[in-house]
Amino acid sequence: MVSMTVLTGCSTEEADGQNVMTTSKPIILKAQMQTTRTINDLQNTDLSTAVTVGVFSLSDENTLLTNGDNAAYMTDGNGNLTASGSAMNWPASGSVSIYAYAPWQSAWSYDAEKTFTVAADQSSDEGYLASDLLYASQTATSQTSAVNLGFSHKLARLALTVTADASTTLTDATVKIVGTKPSTVLTLADCTISEATGTAQDITIGSGINITAGQSQTLYAVVVPQTIAANATLIEVTAGSKMWKYHFTDAKTLAGGKSHSLTVSVSISKFTSTISGEASEPAN
């Protein structure tokens, strides 16, 4: 609720039963990626313009600012964020704590549990970006400067290189990650996520894939951090009536904030094989 009281250029806002004296100065937000990826340029140094950012803003009394409960902000690809609705204004005094994430989840609110689920189809940029959970937080006091938000990737990225051996050609193939739990819960205050939850599902990371003999193609997907059991099938490649299955020989942890470069080799003479590769540094 917004009061019509005006006092030396300020208004009084009510949130959660408390009053926050605000100015008419909008809070300007800037965004950049804190960590970069050397491959797959989606959200490398800047957030994608296809992604909407969600923002929670609180005063130093831990009170939500008006328009600060999961506000949606649009990105321009150059680090500028623009409110899709009414902008948030600076309080008359004290600091502001900003908690931001992407992609925006319309059902989230400050007091509710924030469950995030990756897309089951990540064979397109749209599905990939819908799964790439980003987070940033900042406490600011200056009303004259923009609040700079440095976003980091919270989940695990897989960069899977599929190689067809010299005797094998893949035509109209489908590549899947199988048996991973798709969900996690984000805690705003300390930037943590829970263990993976939900019923295990398959994630399509490539469809209509054509790879000639001796050639390779790299596909990308985002999964919730979790440990994959030894000898459990993680990757499936299907082409026509043929299916290849791939596993780790030892248990492997797909860690959050890291890019895992993995390789599988497709051979017409071998339909079950192992996955090679490890998590890369720095974090993705």
C-alpha atoms as a PDB file:
ATOM      1  CA  MET A   1       0.000   0.000   0.000  1.00  0.00           C
ATOM      2  CA  VAL A   2       1.347   3.469  -0.882  1.00  0.00           C
ATOM      3  CA  SER A   3       0.521   6.451   1.274  1.00  0.00           C
ATOM      4  CA  MET A   4      -0.162   9.838  -0.351  1.00  0.00           C
ATOM      5  CA  THR A   5       1.843  11.569   2.376  1.00  0.00           C
ATOM      6  CA  VAL A   6       4.566  13.784   0.940  1.00  0.00           C
ATOM      7  CA  LEU A   7       7.384  15.087   3.108  1.00  0.00           C
ATOM      8  CA  THR A   8      10.319  17.026   1.641  1.00  0.00           C
ATOM      9  CA  GLY A   9      10.169  15.065  -1.581  1.00  0.00           C
ATOM     10  CA  CYS A  10       9.604  11.717   0.142  1.00  0.00           C
ATOM     11  CA  SER A  11       6.646   9.402   0.459  1.00  0.00           C
ATOM     12  CA  THR A  12       5.834   6.740   3.015  1.00  0.00           C
ATOM     13  CA  GLU A  13       5.475   3.176   1.804  1.00  0.00           C
ATOM     14  CA  GLU A  14       3.987   0.332   3.810  1.00  0.00           C
ATOM     15  CA  ALA A  15       5.317  -3.191   3.448  1.00  0.00           C
ATOM     16  CA  ASP A  16       4.772  -6.124   5.812  1.00  0.00           C
ATOM     17  CA  GLY A  17       3.145  -3.765   8.303  1.00  0.00           C
ATOM     18  CA  GLN A  18       6.148  -1.426   8.467  1.00  0.00           C
ATOM     19  CA  ASN A  19       6.720   2.030   6.988  1.00  0.00           C
ATOM     20  CA  VAL A  20       9.629   2.830   4.707  1.00  0.00           C
ATOM     21  CA  MET A  21      10.289   6.493   3.945  1.00  0.00           C
ATOM     22  CA  THR A  22      11.281   6.712   0.287  1.00  0.00           C
ATOM     23  CA  THR A  23      12.535   9.361  -2.110  1.00  0.00           C
ATOM     24  CA  SER A  24      11.500   9.928  -5.704  1.00  0.00           C
ATOM     25  CA  LYS A  25      14.878   8.677  -6.936  1.00  0.00           C
ATOM     26  CA  PRO A  26      14.609   5.348  -8.775  1.00  0.00           C
ATOM     27  CA  ILE A  27      17.103   2.594  -8.015  1.00  0.00           C
ATOM     28  CA  ILE A  28      19.156   2.025 -11.168  1.00  0.00           C
ATOM     29  CA  LEU A  29      20.432  -1.511 -11.660  1.00  0.00           C
ATOM     30  CA  LYS A  30      23.347  -2.719 -13.793  1.00  0.00           C
ATOM     31  CA  ALA A  31      24.252  -6.352 -14.463  1.00  0.00           C
ATOM     32  CA  GLN A  32      27.251  -8.304 -15.651  1.00  0.00           C
ATOM     33  CA  MET A  33      28.487 -11.858 -15.430  1.00  0.00           C
ATOM     34  CA  GLN A  34      30.998 -12.400 -12.625  1.00  0.00           C
ATOM     35  CA  THR A  35      32.250 -15.608 -14.219  1.00  0.00           C
ATOM     36  CA  THR A  36      32.740 -16.308 -17.897  1.00  0.00           C
ATOM     37  CA  ARG A  37      32.583 -19.271 -20.233  1.00  0.00           C
ATOM     38  CA  THR A  38      35.207 -19.889 -22.871  1.00  0.00           C
ATOM     39  CA  ILE A  39      32.816 -21.952 -24.989  1.00  0.00           C
ATOM     40  CA  ASN A  40      29.134 -21.491 -25.761  1.00  0.00           C
ATOM     41  CA  ASP A  41      28.661 -17.731 -25.686  1.00  0.00           C
ATOM     42  CA  LEU A  42      25.211 -17.800 -24.095  1.00  0.00           C
ATOM     43  CA  GLN A  43      25.440 -15.499 -21.061  1.00  0.00           C
ATOM     44  CA  ASN A  44      29.191 -15.270 -21.180  1.00  0.00           C
ATOM     45  CA  THR A  45      29.971 -11.658 -20.217  1.00  0.00           C
ATOM     46  CA  ASP A  46      26.416 -10.249 -20.345  1.00  0.00           C
ATOM     47  CA  LEU A  47      22.974 -11.586 -19.603  1.00  0.00           C
ATOM     48  CA  SER A  48      20.990 -12.637 -22.657  1.00  0.00           C
ATOM     49  CA  THR A  49      18.331 -10.223 -23.862  1.00  0.00           C
ATOM     50  CA  ALA A  50      16.010 -13.235 -23.975  1.00  0.00           C
ATOM     51  CA  VAL A  51      16.203 -13.512 -20.175  1.00  0.00           C
ATOM     52  CA  THR A  52      14.149 -11.557 -17.634  1.00  0.00           C
ATOM     53  CA  VAL A  53      15.722 -10.856 -14.225  1.00  0.00           C
ATOM     54  CA  GLY A  54      13.813 -11.136 -10.941  1.00  0.00           C
ATOM     55  CA  VAL A  55      14.649  -8.669  -8.144  1.00  0.00           C
ATOM     56  CA  PHE A  56      13.875  -8.566  -4.419  1.00  0.00           C
ATOM     57  CA  SER A  57      14.743  -5.320  -2.586  1.00  0.00           C
ATOM     58  CA  LEU A  58      14.730  -4.731   1.169  1.00  0.00           C
ATOM     59  CA  SER A  59      15.508  -1.780   3.413  1.00  0.00           C
ATOM     60  CA  ASP A  60      18.032  -2.068   6.230  1.00  0.00           C
ATOM     61  CA  GLU A  61      15.032  -2.821   8.467  1.00  0.00           C
ATOM     62  CA  ASN A  62      14.507  -6.001   6.433  1.00  0.00           C
ATOM     63  CA  THR A  63      11.328  -4.587   4.926  1.00  0.00           C
ATOM     64  CA  LEU A  64      10.408  -5.063   1.290  1.00  0.00           C
ATOM     65  CA  LEU A  65      10.390  -1.889  -0.752  1.00  0.00           C
ATOM     66  CA  THR A  66       7.262  -1.171  -2.740  1.00  0.00           C
ATOM     67  CA  ASN A  67       7.636  -2.872  -6.141  1.00  0.00           C
ATOM     68  CA  GLY A  68      10.503  -4.861  -4.630  1.00  0.00           C
ATOM     69  CA  ASP A  69       8.888  -8.277  -4.273  1.00  0.00           C
ATOM     70  CA  ASN A  70      10.064 -10.295  -7.283  1.00  0.00           C
ATOM     71  CA  ALA A  71      10.081  -7.344  -9.646  1.00  0.00           C
ATOM     72  CA  ALA A  72      10.727  -8.228 -13.286  1.00  0.00           C
ATOM     73  CA  TYR A  73      13.570  -6.422 -15.084  1.00  0.00           C
ATOM     74  CA  MET A  74      14.415  -6.557 -18.774  1.00  0.00           C
ATOM     75  CA  THR A  75      18.006  -6.736 -20.037  1.00  0.00           C
ATOM     76  CA  ASP A  76      19.525  -5.009 -23.059  1.00  0.00           C
ATOM     77  CA  GLY A  77      22.666  -7.124 -23.489  1.00  0.00           C
ATOM     78  CA  ASN A  78      24.886  -4.208 -22.451  1.00  0.00           C
ATOM     79  CA  GLY A  79      24.505  -4.452 -18.692  1.00  0.00           C
ATOM     80  CA  ASN A  80      21.436  -2.233 -18.302  1.00  0.00           C
ATOM     81  CA  LEU A  81      18.325  -3.429 -16.468  1.00  0.00           C
ATOM     82  CA  THR A  82      14.927  -1.776 -16.911  1.00  0.00           C
ATOM     83  CA  ALA A  83      11.879  -2.469 -14.756  1.00  0.00           C
ATOM     84  CA  SER A  84       9.052  -3.983 -16.770  1.00  0.00           C
ATOM     85  CA  GLY A  85       6.620  -2.393 -14.284  1.00  0.00           C
ATOM     86  CA  SER A  86       6.929   0.401 -11.732  1.00  0.00           C
ATOM     87  CA  ALA A  87      10.491   1.125 -10.644  1.00  0.00           C
ATOM     88  CA  MET A  88      11.756   0.824  -7.065  1.00  0.00           C
ATOM     89  CA  ASN A  89      12.805   4.035  -5.305  1.00  0.00           C
ATOM     90  CA  TRP A  90      15.593   4.657  -2.817  1.00  0.00           C
ATOM     91  CA  PRO A  91      14.607   4.856   0.849  1.00  0.00           C
ATOM     92  CA  ALA A  92      15.113   8.276   2.458  1.00  0.00           C
ATOM     93  CA  SER A  93      17.914   6.861   4.583  1.00  0.00           C
ATOM     94  CA  GLY A  94      19.804   3.657   5.244  1.00  0.00           C
ATOM     95  CA  SER A  95      20.905   0.915   2.896  1.00  0.00           C
ATOM     96  CA  VAL A  96      19.145  -1.299   0.400  1.00  0.00           C
ATOM     97  CA  SER A  97      19.788  -5.017  -0.034  1.00  0.00           C
ATOM     98  CA  ILE A  98      19.241  -6.283  -3.575  1.00  0.00           C
ATOM     99  CA  TYR A  99      18.791  -9.985  -4.344  1.00  0.00           C
ATOM    100  CA  ALA A 100      18.542 -10.759  -8.043  1.00  0.00           C
ATOM    101  CA  TYR A 101      18.248 -13.929 -10.079  1.00  0.00           C
ATOM    102  CA  ALA A 102      17.434 -15.111 -13.586  1.00  0.00           C
ATOM    103  CA  PRO A 103      15.453 -16.388 -15.317  1.00  0.00           C
ATOM    104  CA  TRP A 104      12.456 -14.686 -13.662  1.00  0.00           C
ATOM    105  CA  GLN A 105       9.920 -17.024 -12.050  1.00  0.00           C
ATOM    106  CA  SER A 106       6.484 -15.402 -11.962  1.00  0.00           C
ATOM    107  CA  ALA A 107       5.229 -17.538  -9.047  1.00  0.00           C
ATOM    108  CA  TRP A 108       8.053 -16.627  -6.653  1.00  0.00           C
ATOM    109  CA  SER A 109       7.603 -14.222  -3.751  1.00  0.00           C
ATOM    110  CA  TYR A 110       9.894 -13.175  -0.925  1.00  0.00           C
ATOM    111  CA  ASP A 111       8.188 -15.239   1.780  1.00  0.00           C
ATOM    112  CA  ALA A 112       7.631 -18.368  -0.313  1.00  0.00           C
ATOM    113  CA  GLU A 113       9.955 -21.292  -1.039  1.00  0.00           C
ATOM    114  CA  LYS A 114      11.780 -20.706  -4.310  1.00  0.00           C
ATOM    115  CA  THR A 115      11.921 -24.000  -6.199  1.00  0.00           C
ATOM    116  CA  PHE A 116      13.688 -23.925  -9.558  1.00  0.00           C
ATOM    117  CA  THR A 117      13.393 -26.676 -12.167  1.00  0.00           C
ATOM    118  CA  VAL A 118      15.502 -27.075 -15.308  1.00  0.00           C
ATOM    119  CA  ALA A 119      13.808 -27.628 -18.663  1.00  0.00           C
ATOM    120  CA  ALA A 120      13.384 -31.161 -19.996  1.00  0.00           C
ATOM    121  CA  ASP A 121      14.150 -29.936 -23.525  1.00  0.00           C
ATOM    122  CA  GLN A 122      17.381 -27.952 -23.794  1.00  0.00           C
ATOM    123  CA  SER A 123      18.015 -28.619 -27.464  1.00  0.00           C
ATOM    124  CA  SER A 124      17.302 -24.932 -28.205  1.00  0.00           C
ATOM    125  CA  ASP A 125      18.688 -21.698 -26.766  1.00  0.00           C
ATOM    126  CA  GLU A 126      15.278 -21.037 -25.223  1.00  0.00           C
ATOM    127  CA  GLY A 127      15.318 -24.234 -23.172  1.00  0.00           C
ATOM    128  CA  TYR A 128      18.954 -23.761 -22.189  1.00  0.00           C
ATOM    129  CA  LEU A 129      18.430 -20.169 -20.984  1.00  0.00           C
ATOM    130  CA  ALA A 130      15.302 -21.212 -19.059  1.00  0.00           C
ATOM    131  CA  SER A 131      17.526 -23.642 -17.115  1.00  0.00           C
ATOM    132  CA  ASP A 132      20.612 -21.494 -16.460  1.00  0.00           C
ATOM    133  CA  LEU A 133      19.958 -20.219 -12.924  1.00  0.00           C
ATOM    134  CA  LEU A 134      21.893 -17.022 -12.198  1.00  0.00           C
ATOM    135  CA  TYR A 135      22.197 -15.162  -8.893  1.00  0.00           C
ATOM    136  CA  ALA A 136      23.567 -11.838  -7.652  1.00  0.00           C
ATOM    137  CA  SER A 137      23.270  -9.787  -4.461  1.00  0.00           C
ATOM    138  CA  GLN A 138      24.433  -6.360  -3.393  1.00  0.00           C
ATOM    139  CA  THR A 139      23.985  -3.957  -0.491  1.00  0.00           C
ATOM    140  CA  ALA A 140      24.061  -0.306  -1.521  1.00  0.00           C
ATOM    141  CA  THR A 141      23.771   3.068   0.195  1.00  0.00           C
ATOM    142  CA  SER A 142      24.560   5.653  -2.492  1.00  0.00           C
ATOM    143  CA  GLN A 143      21.520   7.181  -4.165  1.00  0.00           C
ATOM    144  CA  THR A 144      23.567   8.694  -6.986  1.00  0.00           C
ATOM    145  CA  SER A 145      25.255   5.596  -8.376  1.00  0.00           C
ATOM    146  CA  ALA A 146      23.846   2.565 -10.133  1.00  0.00           C
ATOM    147  CA  VAL A 147      23.798  -0.686  -8.162  1.00  0.00           C
ATOM    148  CA  ASN A 148      26.133  -3.108  -9.937  1.00  0.00           C
ATOM    149  CA  LEU A 149      25.071  -6.738  -9.795  1.00  0.00           C
ATOM    150  CA  GLY A 150      27.638  -9.442 -10.555  1.00  0.00           C
ATOM    151  CA  PHE A 151      25.792 -12.607 -11.577  1.00  0.00           C
ATOM    152  CA  SER A 152      27.167 -16.120 -11.245  1.00  0.00           C
ATOM    153  CA  HIS A 153      25.936 -19.479 -12.512  1.00  0.00           C
ATOM    154  CA  LYS A 154      24.472 -21.630  -9.728  1.00  0.00           C
ATOM    155  CA  LEU A 155      23.962 -24.940 -11.535  1.00  0.00           C
ATOM    156  CA  ALA A 156      26.229 -27.388 -13.366  1.00  0.00           C
ATOM    157  CA  ARG A 157      26.793 -26.978 -17.098  1.00  0.00           C
ATOM    158  CA  LEU A 158      27.589 -29.975 -19.307  1.00  0.00           C
ATOM    159  CA  ALA A 159      29.515 -29.444 -22.526  1.00  0.00           C
ATOM    160  CA  LEU A 160      29.125 -32.816 -24.218  1.00  0.00           C
ATOM    161  CA  THR A 161      31.187 -33.608 -27.306  1.00  0.00           C
ATOM    162  CA  VAL A 162      29.722 -36.441 -29.366  1.00  0.00           C
ATOM    163  CA  THR A 163      32.265 -37.994 -31.741  1.00  0.00           C
ATOM    164  CA  ALA A 164      31.402 -40.436 -34.502  1.00  0.00           C
ATOM    165  CA  ASP A 165      34.229 -42.878 -35.167  1.00  0.00           C
ATOM    166  CA  ALA A 166      35.614 -43.562 -38.630  1.00  0.00           C
ATOM    167  CA  SER A 167      33.061 -46.303 -39.338  1.00  0.00           C
ATOM    168  CA  THR A 168      29.949 -44.546 -37.997  1.00  0.00           C
ATOM    169  CA  THR A 169      27.703 -41.772 -39.314  1.00  0.00           C
ATOM    170  CA  LEU A 170      24.895 -40.352 -37.190  1.00  0.00           C
ATOM    171  CA  THR A 171      21.749 -39.190 -38.975  1.00  0.00           C
ATOM    172  CA  ASP A 172      18.821 -37.415 -37.282  1.00  0.00           C
ATOM    173  CA  ALA A 173      20.090 -38.487 -33.857  1.00  0.00           C
ATOM    174  CA  THR A 174      18.731 -37.508 -30.451  1.00  0.00           C
ATOM    175  CA  VAL A 175      21.058 -36.990 -27.484  1.00  0.00           C
ATOM    176  CA  LYS A 176      19.771 -37.088 -23.917  1.00  0.00           C
ATOM    177  CA  ILE A 177      21.012 -36.764 -20.348  1.00  0.00           C
ATOM    178  CA  VAL A 178      19.105 -39.417 -18.429  1.00  0.00           C
ATOM    179  CA  GLY A 179      18.126 -39.965 -14.827  1.00  0.00           C
ATOM    180  CA  THR A 180      19.016 -36.643 -13.171  1.00  0.00           C
ATOM    181  CA  LYS A 181      16.870 -34.884 -10.582  1.00  0.00           C
ATOM    182  CA  PRO A 182      15.603 -31.606 -12.064  1.00  0.00           C
ATOM    183  CA  SER A 183      14.866 -29.268  -9.144  1.00  0.00           C
ATOM    184  CA  THR A 184      16.512 -27.286  -6.354  1.00  0.00           C
ATOM    185  CA  VAL A 185      15.497 -24.630  -3.807  1.00  0.00           C
ATOM    186  CA  LEU A 186      17.221 -21.233  -3.854  1.00  0.00           C
ATOM    187  CA  THR A 187      17.829 -19.385  -0.572  1.00  0.00           C
ATOM    188  CA  LEU A 188      18.203 -15.664  -1.236  1.00  0.00           C
ATOM    189  CA  ALA A 189      19.968 -14.546   1.921  1.00  0.00           C
ATOM    190  CA  ASP A 190      23.061 -16.713   1.618  1.00  0.00           C
ATOM    191  CA  CYS A 191      23.036 -17.510  -2.120  1.00  0.00           C
ATOM    192  CA  THR A 192      22.752 -21.268  -1.591  1.00  0.00           C
ATOM    193  CA  ILE A 193      20.793 -23.991  -3.331  1.00  0.00           C
ATOM    194  CA  SER A 194      19.502 -27.235  -1.878  1.00  0.00           C
ATOM    195  CA  GLU A 195      20.397 -30.755  -2.910  1.00  0.00           C
ATOM    196  CA  ALA A 196      18.755 -31.900  -6.129  1.00  0.00           C
ATOM    197  CA  THR A 197      15.098 -32.837  -5.687  1.00  0.00           C
ATOM    198  CA  GLY A 198      12.231 -34.174  -7.754  1.00  0.00           C
ATOM    199  CA  THR A 199      11.640 -37.304  -9.794  1.00  0.00           C
ATOM    200  CA  ALA A 200      14.546 -38.158 -12.075  1.00  0.00           C
ATOM    201  CA  GLN A 201      13.920 -37.101 -15.664  1.00  0.00           C
ATOM    202  CA  ASP A 202      15.558 -37.121 -19.083  1.00  0.00           C
ATOM    203  CA  ILE A 203      16.872 -33.910 -20.639  1.00  0.00           C
ATOM    204  CA  THR A 204      17.063 -33.641 -24.425  1.00  0.00           C
ATOM    205  CA  ILE A 205      20.199 -31.695 -25.344  1.00  0.00           C
ATOM    206  CA  GLY A 206      20.222 -32.375 -29.079  1.00  0.00           C
ATOM    207  CA  SER A 207      17.712 -33.489 -31.695  1.00  0.00           C
ATOM    208  CA  GLY A 208      18.045 -33.898 -35.441  1.00  0.00           C
ATOM    209  CA  ILE A 209      21.809 -34.246 -34.964  1.00  0.00           C
ATOM    210  CA  ASN A 210      23.878 -35.244 -38.002  1.00  0.00           C
ATOM    211  CA  ILE A 211      27.547 -36.152 -37.562  1.00  0.00           C
ATOM    212  CA  THR A 212      29.607 -37.646 -40.379  1.00  0.00           C
ATOM    213  CA  ALA A 213      32.210 -40.330 -39.744  1.00  0.00           C
ATOM    214  CA  GLY A 214      35.252 -39.019 -37.945  1.00  0.00           C
ATOM    215  CA  GLN A 215      33.589 -35.729 -36.973  1.00  0.00           C
ATOM    216  CA  SER A 216      32.299 -34.264 -33.686  1.00  0.00           C
ATOM    217  CA  GLN A 217      29.630 -31.923 -32.367  1.00  0.00           C
ATOM    218  CA  THR A 218      29.438 -30.301 -28.919  1.00  0.00           C
ATOM    219  CA  LEU A 219      26.081 -29.899 -27.172  1.00  0.00           C
ATOM    220  CA  TYR A 220      25.269 -27.972 -24.004  1.00  0.00           C
ATOM    221  CA  ALA A 221      22.866 -28.394 -21.095  1.00  0.00           C
ATOM    222  CA  VAL A 222      22.386 -27.258 -17.502  1.00  0.00           C
ATOM    223  CA  VAL A 223      21.611 -29.696 -14.693  1.00  0.00           C
ATOM    224  CA  VAL A 224      21.078 -29.326 -10.974  1.00  0.00           C
ATOM    225  CA  PRO A 225      24.278 -30.232  -9.060  1.00  0.00           C
ATOM    226  CA  GLN A 226      24.249 -33.885  -7.970  1.00  0.00           C
ATOM    227  CA  THR A 227      26.339 -37.032  -7.809  1.00  0.00           C
ATOM    228  CA  ILE A 228      26.027 -39.602 -10.585  1.00  0.00           C
ATOM    229  CA  ALA A 229      26.467 -43.177  -9.383  1.00  0.00           C
ATOM    230  CA  ALA A 230      29.181 -45.370 -10.860  1.00  0.00           C
ATOM    231  CA  ASN A 231      28.021 -47.320 -13.932  1.00  0.00           C
ATOM    232  CA  ALA A 232      24.670 -45.493 -14.033  1.00  0.00           C
ATOM    233  CA  THR A 233      23.691 -44.475 -17.550  1.00  0.00           C
ATOM    234  CA  LEU A 234      23.972 -40.688 -17.914  1.00  0.00           C
ATOM    235  CA  ILE A 235      24.050 -40.164 -21.690  1.00  0.00           C
ATOM    236  CA  GLU A 236      21.947 -41.800 -24.402  1.00  0.00           C
ATOM    237  CA  VAL A 237      22.389 -41.304 -28.153  1.00  0.00           C
ATOM    238  CA  THR A 238      19.610 -42.622 -30.379  1.00  0.00           C
ATOM    239  CA  ALA A 239      19.575 -42.801 -34.176  1.00  0.00           C
ATOM    240  CA  GLY A 240      16.803 -44.771 -35.843  1.00  0.00           C
ATOM    241  CA  SER A 241      16.577 -48.168 -34.142  1.00  0.00           C
ATOM    242  CA  LYS A 242      20.049 -47.908 -32.600  1.00  0.00           C
ATOM    243  CA  MET A 243      20.821 -46.620 -29.084  1.00  0.00           C
ATOM    244  CA  TRP A 244      24.171 -46.001 -27.436  1.00  0.00           C
ATOM    245  CA  LYS A 245      24.471 -45.675 -23.641  1.00  0.00           C
ATOM    246  CA  TYR A 246      27.301 -44.067 -21.653  1.00  0.00           C
ATOM    247  CA  HIS A 247      28.309 -44.052 -18.001  1.00  0.00           C
ATOM    248  CA  PHE A 248      31.101 -43.080 -15.605  1.00  0.00           C
ATOM    249  CA  THR A 249      33.133 -45.970 -14.210  1.00  0.00           C
ATOM    250  CA  ASP A 250      33.328 -44.154 -10.839  1.00  0.00           C
ATOM    251  CA  ALA A 251      30.818 -41.927  -9.072  1.00  0.00           C
ATOM    252  CA  LYS A 252      31.086 -38.334 -10.346  1.00  0.00           C
ATOM    253  CA  THR A 253      29.804 -35.110  -8.833  1.00  0.00           C
ATOM    254  CA  LEU A 254      28.355 -32.574 -11.234  1.00  0.00           C
ATOM    255  CA  ALA A 255      29.255 -29.497  -9.210  1.00  0.00           C
ATOM    256  CA  GLY A 256      27.407 -26.192  -9.223  1.00  0.00           C
ATOM    257  CA  GLY A 257      29.125 -23.222 -10.818  1.00  0.00           C
ATOM    258  CA  LYS A 258      31.351 -25.437 -12.970  1.00  0.00           C
ATOM    259  CA  SER A 259      31.402 -26.435 -16.611  1.00  0.00           C
ATOM    260  CA  HIS A 260      31.951 -30.154 -17.123  1.00  0.00           C
ATOM    261  CA  SER A 261      33.566 -30.984 -20.469  1.00  0.00           C
ATOM    262  CA  LEU A 262      32.553 -34.540 -21.354  1.00  0.00           C
ATOM    263  CA  THR A 263      33.173 -36.713 -24.419  1.00  0.00           C
ATOM    264  CA  VAL A 264      31.461 -39.816 -25.779  1.00  0.00           C
ATOM    265  CA  SER A 265      32.448 -41.819 -28.843  1.00  0.00           C
ATOM    266  CA  VAL A 266      29.781 -43.373 -31.053  1.00  0.00           C
ATOM    267  CA  SER A 267      30.748 -46.610 -32.773  1.00  0.00           C
ATOM    268  CA  ILE A 268      28.560 -48.985 -34.747  1.00  0.00           C
ATOM    269  CA  SER A 269      30.457 -51.855 -33.105  1.00  0.00           C
ATOM    270  CA  LYS A 270      29.998 -50.762 -29.463  1.00  0.00           C
ATOM    271  CA  PHE A 271      26.689 -49.645 -27.969  1.00  0.00           C
ATOM    272  CA  THR A 272      27.700 -49.310 -24.303  1.00  0.00           C
ATOM    273  CA  SER A 273      30.734 -47.288 -23.294  1.00  0.00           C
ATOM    274  CA  THR A 274      32.217 -44.845 -20.809  1.00  0.00           C
ATOM    275  CA  ILE A 275      32.218 -41.049 -20.547  1.00  0.00           C
ATOM    276  CA  SER A 276      35.507 -39.191 -20.412  1.00  0.00           C
ATOM    277  CA  GLY A 277      36.094 -35.704 -19.020  1.00  0.00           C
ATOM    278  CA  GLU A 278      36.078 -33.713 -15.810  1.00  0.00           C
ATOM    279  CA  ALA A 279      34.866 -30.397 -14.400  1.00  0.00           C
ATOM    280  CA  SER A 280      36.762 -27.468 -15.834  1.00  0.00           C
ATOM    281  CA  GLU A 281      38.166 -24.468 -14.006  1.00  0.00           C
ATOM    282  CA  PRO A 282      37.412 -21.664 -13.526  1.00  0.00           C
ATOM    283  CA  ALA A 283      33.786 -21.974 -12.584  1.00  0.00           C
ATOM    284  CA  ASN A 284      31.316 -21.461 -15.410  1.00  0.00           C
END
